[in-house]
Amino acid sequence: IDNMITNHPDIDRINGKTIKPDVYFKKLNQLFDYIEKNKNLKVVIAAHPKSDYATEFNNRKLIKYKTNELVKHSSLVIAHHSNAIYFAILHYKPLLLVYSNEFLNDRNVIPVLNNIYHSIALYRYILDAGIVNLDELDEIRLKEVDVK
């Protein structure tokens, strides 16, 4: 589930700084490569409706305006922070929450990213979802959905 984290209009409106696009897409594509190779799954991007991507996702299929349908027919949902996470809950889909070191709270923290990280941590706790730091891909933890 794409949320345009590198250039979302709401972040621009508050003059917020976010992760550098080249860094972000490199890390995210490494995760997608790993999942496609090691989990034998094809990654399809539920693109944010306002997005306008060219090659950021290494030519992976991008689909706008169909997030619910994509989630419904998926084997795994990957997200940071988005209201569309609720589609994963409604359809009982495993959820993998992702962040990187840029999201973590240190003296160089980017406030928008740190707020998103705290939302990710809350989702992880409430949903007992899988989580991965994009800087530590060897620790991917996928979890089955607890329908209770």
N, C-alpha and C. Protein backbone atom coordinates (compact mmCIF):
# COMPACT_ATOMS: atom_id res chain seq x y z
N ILE A 1 0.86 -1.17 0.00
CA ILE A 1 0.00 0.00 0.00
C ILE A 1 0.90 1.23 0.00
N ASP A 2 0.85 1.97 -1.07
CA ASP A 2 1.67 3.17 -1.23
C ASP A 2 1.00 4.35 -0.55
N ASN A 3 1.78 5.12 0.20
CA ASN A 3 1.23 6.34 0.79
C ASN A 3 2.02 7.60 0.41
N MET A 4 2.79 7.50 -0.65
CA MET A 4 3.56 8.65 -1.17
C MET A 4 4.41 9.31 -0.08
N ILE A 5 5.07 8.52 0.70
CA ILE A 5 5.80 9.04 1.85
C ILE A 5 6.91 10.04 1.48
N THR A 6 7.41 9.95 0.26
CA THR A 6 8.49 10.87 -0.12
C THR A 6 8.00 12.21 -0.62
N ASN A 7 6.73 12.28 -1.03
CA ASN A 7 6.25 13.56 -1.56
C ASN A 7 4.74 13.74 -1.44
N HIS A 8 4.18 13.31 -0.34
CA HIS A 8 2.73 13.45 -0.14
C HIS A 8 2.37 14.92 0.00
N PRO A 9 1.28 15.36 -0.63
CA PRO A 9 0.90 16.78 -0.56
C PRO A 9 0.65 17.28 0.87
N ASP A 10 0.16 16.43 1.76
CA ASP A 10 -0.07 16.87 3.14
C ASP A 10 1.24 17.19 3.86
N ILE A 11 2.28 16.44 3.55
CA ILE A 11 3.59 16.71 4.15
C ILE A 11 4.12 18.03 3.61
N ASP A 12 3.93 18.26 2.31
CA ASP A 12 4.34 19.54 1.72
C ASP A 12 3.61 20.72 2.36
N ARG A 13 2.32 20.53 2.65
CA ARG A 13 1.52 21.62 3.23
C ARG A 13 2.04 22.08 4.59
N ILE A 14 2.61 21.16 5.35
CA ILE A 14 3.13 21.54 6.66
C ILE A 14 4.64 21.82 6.61
N ASN A 15 5.15 21.97 5.39
CA ASN A 15 6.58 22.20 5.19
C ASN A 15 7.41 21.12 5.86
N GLY A 16 6.90 19.91 5.83
CA GLY A 16 7.59 18.80 6.47
C GLY A 16 8.67 18.20 5.60
N LYS A 17 9.67 17.68 6.25
CA LYS A 17 10.77 16.98 5.59
C LYS A 17 10.49 15.49 5.73
N THR A 18 10.92 14.73 4.76
CA THR A 18 10.73 13.29 4.82
C THR A 18 11.96 12.58 4.27
N ILE A 19 11.88 11.30 4.10
CA ILE A 19 13.01 10.50 3.64
C ILE A 19 13.35 10.85 2.19
N LYS A 20 14.62 10.82 1.86
CA LYS A 20 15.06 11.12 0.49
C LYS A 20 14.57 10.02 -0.45
N PRO A 21 13.95 10.39 -1.56
CA PRO A 21 13.38 9.39 -2.47
C PRO A 21 14.37 8.32 -2.93
N ASP A 22 15.59 8.69 -3.27
CA ASP A 22 16.55 7.69 -3.76
C ASP A 22 16.86 6.66 -2.69
N VAL A 23 16.99 7.10 -1.44
CA VAL A 23 17.26 6.19 -0.32
C VAL A 23 16.04 5.29 -0.08
N TYR A 24 14.88 5.91 -0.04
CA TYR A 24 13.64 5.19 0.26
C TYR A 24 13.35 4.10 -0.76
N PHE A 25 13.35 4.46 -2.04
CA PHE A 25 13.00 3.48 -3.06
C PHE A 25 14.04 2.37 -3.19
N LYS A 26 15.29 2.68 -2.94
CA LYS A 26 16.31 1.64 -2.96
C LYS A 26 16.02 0.61 -1.87
N LYS A 27 15.74 1.07 -0.66
CA LYS A 27 15.46 0.16 0.46
C LYS A 27 14.18 -0.62 0.23
N LEU A 28 13.14 0.06 -0.24
CA LEU A 28 11.86 -0.60 -0.45
C LEU A 28 11.96 -1.66 -1.54
N ASN A 29 12.66 -1.35 -2.61
CA ASN A 29 12.82 -2.33 -3.69
C ASN A 29 13.66 -3.52 -3.27
N GLN A 30 14.60 -3.32 -2.35
CA GLN A 30 15.35 -4.45 -1.82
C GLN A 30 14.41 -5.40 -1.07
N LEU A 31 13.49 -4.82 -0.31
CA LEU A 31 12.49 -5.65 0.38
C LEU A 31 11.63 -6.39 -0.63
N PHE A 32 11.15 -5.70 -1.64
CA PHE A 32 10.30 -6.33 -2.65
C PHE A 32 11.06 -7.44 -3.38
N ASP A 33 12.31 -7.20 -3.71
CA ASP A 33 13.14 -8.23 -4.35
C ASP A 33 13.24 -9.46 -3.45
N TYR A 34 13.48 -9.22 -2.17
CA TYR A 34 13.60 -10.31 -1.20
C TYR A 34 12.30 -11.13 -1.15
N ILE A 35 11.17 -10.44 -1.06
CA ILE A 35 9.88 -11.13 -0.96
C ILE A 35 9.58 -11.92 -2.23
N GLU A 36 9.86 -11.32 -3.37
CA GLU A 36 9.61 -12.03 -4.62
C GLU A 36 10.50 -13.27 -4.75
N LYS A 37 11.73 -13.16 -4.32
CA LYS A 37 12.67 -14.27 -4.45
C LYS A 37 12.45 -15.34 -3.37
N ASN A 38 12.32 -14.93 -2.12
CA ASN A 38 12.31 -15.88 -1.01
C ASN A 38 10.92 -16.34 -0.57
N LYS A 39 9.90 -15.57 -0.88
CA LYS A 39 8.53 -15.94 -0.50
C LYS A 39 7.70 -16.33 -1.71
N ASN A 40 8.32 -16.25 -2.88
CA ASN A 40 7.66 -16.64 -4.13
C ASN A 40 6.33 -15.90 -4.33
N LEU A 41 6.32 -14.61 -4.04
CA LEU A 41 5.16 -13.76 -4.22
C LEU A 41 5.49 -12.65 -5.20
N LYS A 42 4.52 -12.23 -5.98
CA LYS A 42 4.70 -11.11 -6.89
C LYS A 42 4.22 -9.84 -6.19
N VAL A 43 5.04 -8.81 -6.19
CA VAL A 43 4.68 -7.55 -5.56
C VAL A 43 3.98 -6.66 -6.57
N VAL A 44 2.78 -6.21 -6.20
CA VAL A 44 2.00 -5.27 -6.97
C VAL A 44 1.75 -4.07 -6.07
N ILE A 45 1.93 -2.87 -6.61
CA ILE A 45 1.82 -1.65 -5.82
C ILE A 45 0.41 -1.08 -5.93
N ALA A 46 -0.26 -0.93 -4.80
CA ALA A 46 -1.52 -0.19 -4.74
C ALA A 46 -1.12 1.27 -4.61
N ALA A 47 -1.00 1.93 -5.76
CA ALA A 47 -0.46 3.29 -5.80
C ALA A 47 -1.43 4.30 -5.21
N HIS A 48 -0.88 5.26 -4.50
CA HIS A 48 -1.67 6.36 -3.95
C HIS A 48 -2.37 7.07 -5.10
N PRO A 49 -3.63 7.48 -4.93
CA PRO A 49 -4.37 8.12 -6.02
C PRO A 49 -3.70 9.38 -6.59
N LYS A 50 -2.93 10.10 -5.80
CA LYS A 50 -2.29 11.32 -6.28
C LYS A 50 -0.87 11.08 -6.80
N SER A 51 -0.44 9.83 -6.80
CA SER A 51 0.94 9.53 -7.21
C SER A 51 1.11 9.63 -8.72
N ASP A 52 2.37 9.83 -9.10
CA ASP A 52 2.73 9.90 -10.52
C ASP A 52 4.14 9.30 -10.65
N TYR A 53 4.22 7.99 -10.56
CA TYR A 53 5.51 7.32 -10.58
C TYR A 53 5.95 6.99 -12.00
N ALA A 54 7.25 6.89 -12.16
CA ALA A 54 7.82 6.49 -13.45
C ALA A 54 8.48 5.11 -13.27
N THR A 55 9.69 5.09 -12.71
CA THR A 55 10.42 3.83 -12.54
C THR A 55 10.83 3.57 -11.09
N GLU A 56 10.23 4.28 -10.16
CA GLU A 56 10.64 4.18 -8.75
C GLU A 56 10.55 2.77 -8.19
N PHE A 57 9.59 1.98 -8.66
CA PHE A 57 9.39 0.64 -8.12
C PHE A 57 9.98 -0.45 -9.02
N ASN A 58 11.01 -0.08 -9.79
CA ASN A 58 11.71 -1.04 -10.65
C ASN A 58 10.75 -1.79 -11.58
N ASN A 59 9.89 -1.05 -12.21
CA ASN A 59 8.95 -1.56 -13.22
C ASN A 59 7.94 -2.57 -12.68
N ARG A 60 7.69 -2.54 -11.38
CA ARG A 60 6.62 -3.38 -10.84
C ARG A 60 5.28 -2.78 -11.23
N LYS A 61 4.28 -3.62 -11.28
CA LYS A 61 2.94 -3.18 -11.68
C LYS A 61 2.38 -2.22 -10.63
N LEU A 62 1.88 -1.07 -11.10
CA LEU A 62 1.27 -0.06 -10.25
C LEU A 62 -0.20 0.04 -10.63
N ILE A 63 -1.08 0.02 -9.63
CA ILE A 63 -2.51 0.14 -9.88
C ILE A 63 -3.09 1.18 -8.93
N LYS A 64 -3.80 2.15 -9.51
CA LYS A 64 -4.47 3.18 -8.71
C LYS A 64 -5.96 2.85 -8.59
N TYR A 65 -6.55 3.37 -7.53
CA TYR A 65 -8.00 3.32 -7.31
C TYR A 65 -8.56 1.92 -7.10
N LYS A 66 -7.74 0.95 -6.83
CA LYS A 66 -8.20 -0.43 -6.65
C LYS A 66 -7.59 -1.05 -5.39
N THR A 67 -7.29 -0.25 -4.40
CA THR A 67 -6.59 -0.75 -3.21
C THR A 67 -7.37 -1.86 -2.52
N ASN A 68 -8.67 -1.67 -2.31
CA ASN A 68 -9.46 -2.69 -1.63
C ASN A 68 -9.44 -4.01 -2.40
N GLU A 69 -9.58 -3.94 -3.72
CA GLU A 69 -9.58 -5.16 -4.52
C GLU A 69 -8.21 -5.84 -4.50
N LEU A 70 -7.16 -5.03 -4.58
CA LEU A 70 -5.81 -5.60 -4.53
C LEU A 70 -5.56 -6.30 -3.20
N VAL A 71 -5.95 -5.66 -2.11
CA VAL A 71 -5.77 -6.26 -0.79
C VAL A 71 -6.59 -7.53 -0.67
N LYS A 72 -7.84 -7.49 -1.11
CA LYS A 72 -8.73 -8.64 -1.01
C LYS A 72 -8.14 -9.88 -1.69
N HIS A 73 -7.46 -9.68 -2.80
CA HIS A 73 -6.92 -10.81 -3.56
C HIS A 73 -5.43 -11.05 -3.31
N SER A 74 -4.90 -10.46 -2.28
CA SER A 74 -3.46 -10.59 -1.98
C SER A 74 -3.19 -11.74 -1.01
N SER A 75 -1.93 -12.10 -0.92
CA SER A 75 -1.47 -13.07 0.07
C SER A 75 -0.83 -12.38 1.25
N LEU A 76 -0.39 -11.15 1.04
CA LEU A 76 0.32 -10.38 2.05
C LEU A 76 0.15 -8.90 1.73
N VAL A 77 -0.04 -8.08 2.75
CA VAL A 77 -0.14 -6.64 2.58
C VAL A 77 1.06 -6.00 3.26
N ILE A 78 1.74 -5.11 2.53
CA ILE A 78 2.91 -4.41 3.05
C ILE A 78 2.56 -2.93 3.13
N ALA A 79 2.83 -2.32 4.28
CA ALA A 79 2.46 -0.91 4.46
C ALA A 79 3.32 -0.27 5.53
N HIS A 80 3.26 1.06 5.56
CA HIS A 80 3.83 1.84 6.66
C HIS A 80 2.67 2.26 7.55
N HIS A 81 1.94 3.21 7.01
CA HIS A 81 0.88 3.87 7.76
C HIS A 81 -0.12 4.38 6.72
N SER A 82 -1.33 3.88 6.80
CA SER A 82 -2.34 4.26 5.82
C SER A 82 -3.69 3.81 6.34
N ASN A 83 -4.71 4.57 6.04
CA ASN A 83 -6.05 4.12 6.39
C ASN A 83 -6.40 2.84 5.64
N ALA A 84 -5.75 2.59 4.52
CA ALA A 84 -6.01 1.38 3.74
C ALA A 84 -5.58 0.11 4.46
N ILE A 85 -4.85 0.23 5.56
CA ILE A 85 -4.51 -0.95 6.37
C ILE A 85 -5.78 -1.65 6.83
N TYR A 86 -6.84 -0.88 6.98
CA TYR A 86 -8.10 -1.48 7.43
C TYR A 86 -8.66 -2.47 6.41
N PHE A 87 -8.31 -2.33 5.15
CA PHE A 87 -8.71 -3.33 4.16
C PHE A 87 -8.07 -4.68 4.49
N ALA A 88 -6.81 -4.65 4.93
CA ALA A 88 -6.13 -5.88 5.33
C ALA A 88 -6.85 -6.53 6.51
N ILE A 89 -7.29 -5.71 7.45
CA ILE A 89 -8.02 -6.23 8.61
C ILE A 89 -9.36 -6.82 8.18
N LEU A 90 -10.10 -6.09 7.35
CA LEU A 90 -11.41 -6.56 6.91
C LEU A 90 -11.34 -7.85 6.11
N HIS A 91 -10.25 -8.03 5.37
CA HIS A 91 -10.11 -9.22 4.52
C HIS A 91 -9.22 -10.29 5.15
N TYR A 92 -8.85 -10.11 6.43
CA TYR A 92 -8.03 -11.10 7.15
C TYR A 92 -6.73 -11.42 6.44
N LYS A 93 -6.02 -10.39 6.01
CA LYS A 93 -4.77 -10.58 5.28
C LYS A 93 -3.58 -10.34 6.21
N PRO A 94 -2.54 -11.16 6.08
CA PRO A 94 -1.32 -10.89 6.85
C PRO A 94 -0.77 -9.51 6.49
N LEU A 95 -0.28 -8.82 7.49
CA LEU A 95 0.21 -7.45 7.31
C LEU A 95 1.67 -7.40 7.73
N LEU A 96 2.49 -6.84 6.85
CA LEU A 96 3.89 -6.61 7.17
C LEU A 96 4.11 -5.10 7.20
N LEU A 97 4.42 -4.59 8.37
CA LEU A 97 4.66 -3.16 8.55
C LEU A 97 6.14 -2.89 8.38
N VAL A 98 6.47 -1.83 7.63
CA VAL A 98 7.87 -1.55 7.34
C VAL A 98 8.25 -0.13 7.73
N TYR A 99 9.49 -0.01 8.16
CA TYR A 99 10.09 1.28 8.49
C TYR A 99 11.58 1.16 8.21
N SER A 100 12.29 2.25 8.39
CA SER A 100 13.75 2.21 8.25
C SER A 100 14.37 3.05 9.37
N ASN A 101 15.67 3.05 9.43
CA ASN A 101 16.35 3.79 10.50
C ASN A 101 15.99 5.27 10.50
N GLU A 102 15.62 5.81 9.33
CA GLU A 102 15.25 7.22 9.25
C GLU A 102 13.99 7.54 10.06
N PHE A 103 13.20 6.54 10.39
CA PHE A 103 11.96 6.73 11.14
C PHE A 103 12.20 6.78 12.65
N LEU A 104 13.35 6.28 13.08
CA LEU A 104 13.58 6.09 14.51
C LEU A 104 13.95 7.38 15.22
N ASN A 105 13.69 7.38 16.51
CA ASN A 105 13.86 8.58 17.32
C ASN A 105 15.32 8.74 17.74
N ASP A 106 16.01 9.64 17.07
CA ASP A 106 17.35 10.03 17.49
C ASP A 106 17.48 11.53 17.24
N ARG A 107 18.64 12.08 17.44
CA ARG A 107 18.77 13.53 17.33
C ARG A 107 18.61 14.05 15.91
N ASN A 108 18.69 13.20 14.92
CA ASN A 108 18.50 13.61 13.53
C ASN A 108 17.13 13.21 12.99
N VAL A 109 16.21 12.90 13.90
CA VAL A 109 14.92 12.37 13.49
C VAL A 109 14.13 13.38 12.65
N ILE A 110 13.39 12.85 11.72
CA ILE A 110 12.46 13.65 10.92
C ILE A 110 11.09 13.48 11.59
N PRO A 111 10.52 14.54 12.13
CA PRO A 111 9.28 14.41 12.93
C PRO A 111 8.15 13.65 12.24
N VAL A 112 7.91 13.90 10.96
CA VAL A 112 6.84 13.19 10.26
C VAL A 112 7.10 11.69 10.27
N LEU A 113 8.34 11.29 9.99
CA LEU A 113 8.68 9.86 9.96
C LEU A 113 8.58 9.25 11.34
N ASN A 114 8.99 9.99 12.36
CA ASN A 114 8.91 9.46 13.71
C ASN A 114 7.46 9.27 14.14
N ASN A 115 6.58 10.18 13.75
CA ASN A 115 5.15 10.01 14.03
C ASN A 115 4.60 8.77 13.33
N ILE A 116 5.02 8.56 12.09
CA ILE A 116 4.58 7.37 11.36
C ILE A 116 5.11 6.11 12.04
N TYR A 117 6.36 6.15 12.51
CA TYR A 117 6.92 5.00 13.21
C TYR A 117 6.08 4.65 14.44
N HIS A 118 5.66 5.66 15.19
CA HIS A 118 4.84 5.39 16.38
C HIS A 118 3.49 4.78 16.00
N SER A 119 2.93 5.19 14.86
CA SER A 119 1.69 4.57 14.37
C SER A 119 1.95 3.11 14.00
N ILE A 120 3.08 2.86 13.34
CA ILE A 120 3.45 1.49 12.98
C ILE A 120 3.58 0.63 14.24
N ALA A 121 4.24 1.15 15.25
CA ALA A 121 4.42 0.41 16.50
C ALA A 121 3.07 0.10 17.15
N LEU A 122 2.15 1.04 17.09
CA LEU A 122 0.82 0.83 17.65
C LEU A 122 0.06 -0.24 16.86
N TYR A 123 0.10 -0.16 15.52
CA TYR A 123 -0.54 -1.19 14.70
C TYR A 123 0.06 -2.56 15.00
N ARG A 124 1.36 -2.60 15.13
CA ARG A 124 2.03 -3.88 15.41
C ARG A 124 1.51 -4.46 16.72
N TYR A 125 1.40 -3.62 17.73
CA TYR A 125 0.95 -4.06 19.04
C TYR A 125 -0.51 -4.52 19.00
N ILE A 126 -1.38 -3.70 18.44
CA ILE A 126 -2.81 -4.00 18.42
C ILE A 126 -3.11 -5.22 17.55
N LEU A 127 -2.47 -5.30 16.39
CA LEU A 127 -2.78 -6.35 15.43
C LEU A 127 -1.86 -7.55 15.50
N ASP A 128 -0.81 -7.45 16.31
CA ASP A 128 0.21 -8.49 16.37
C ASP A 128 0.72 -8.79 14.95
N ALA A 129 0.97 -7.71 14.20
CA ALA A 129 1.40 -7.82 12.81
C ALA A 129 2.90 -8.05 12.70
N GLY A 130 3.32 -8.51 11.53
CA GLY A 130 4.74 -8.63 11.24
C GLY A 130 5.33 -7.24 11.06
N ILE A 131 6.62 -7.13 11.28
CA ILE A 131 7.29 -5.84 11.16
C ILE A 131 8.72 -6.08 10.68
N VAL A 132 9.24 -5.11 9.91
CA VAL A 132 10.62 -5.23 9.46
C VAL A 132 11.23 -3.83 9.32
N ASN A 133 12.46 -3.73 9.74
CA ASN A 133 13.26 -2.54 9.48
C ASN A 133 13.93 -2.76 8.12
N LEU A 134 13.70 -1.85 7.19
CA LEU A 134 14.27 -2.00 5.84
C LEU A 134 15.79 -2.06 5.85
N ASP A 135 16.40 -1.62 6.94
CA ASP A 135 17.86 -1.68 7.06
C ASP A 135 18.34 -3.00 7.64
N GLU A 136 17.41 -3.89 7.98
CA GLU A 136 17.76 -5.18 8.57
C GLU A 136 16.87 -6.27 7.98
N LEU A 137 16.97 -6.49 6.70
CA LEU A 137 16.05 -7.41 6.01
C LEU A 137 16.19 -8.86 6.44
N ASP A 138 17.25 -9.19 7.10
CA ASP A 138 17.41 -10.57 7.54
C ASP A 138 16.46 -10.91 8.69
N GLU A 139 15.71 -9.94 9.18
CA GLU A 139 14.82 -10.18 10.31
C GLU A 139 13.34 -10.08 9.93
N ILE A 140 12.97 -10.44 8.72
CA ILE A 140 11.57 -10.35 8.30
C ILE A 140 10.74 -11.39 9.07
N ARG A 141 9.70 -10.89 9.70
CA ARG A 141 8.82 -11.75 10.47
C ARG A 141 7.39 -11.63 9.93
N LEU A 142 6.97 -12.63 9.21
CA LEU A 142 5.59 -12.66 8.73
C LEU A 142 4.76 -13.42 9.76
N LYS A 143 3.57 -12.90 10.03
CA LYS A 143 2.71 -13.53 11.03
C LYS A 143 1.37 -13.87 10.41
N GLU A 144 0.82 -14.95 10.86
CA GLU A 144 -0.53 -15.32 10.45
C GLU A 144 -1.54 -14.37 11.09
N VAL A 145 -2.68 -14.23 10.46
CA VAL A 145 -3.71 -13.35 10.99
C VAL A 145 -4.41 -14.02 12.17
N ASP A 146 -4.54 -13.28 13.24
CA ASP A 146 -5.30 -13.72 14.40
C ASP A 146 -6.71 -13.16 14.24
N VAL A 147 -7.65 -13.99 13.79
CA VAL A 147 -8.99 -13.50 13.48
C VAL A 147 -9.76 -13.05 14.72
N LYS A 148 -9.28 -13.41 15.89
CA LYS A 148 -9.93 -12.94 17.13
C LYS A 148 -9.66 -11.47 17.31
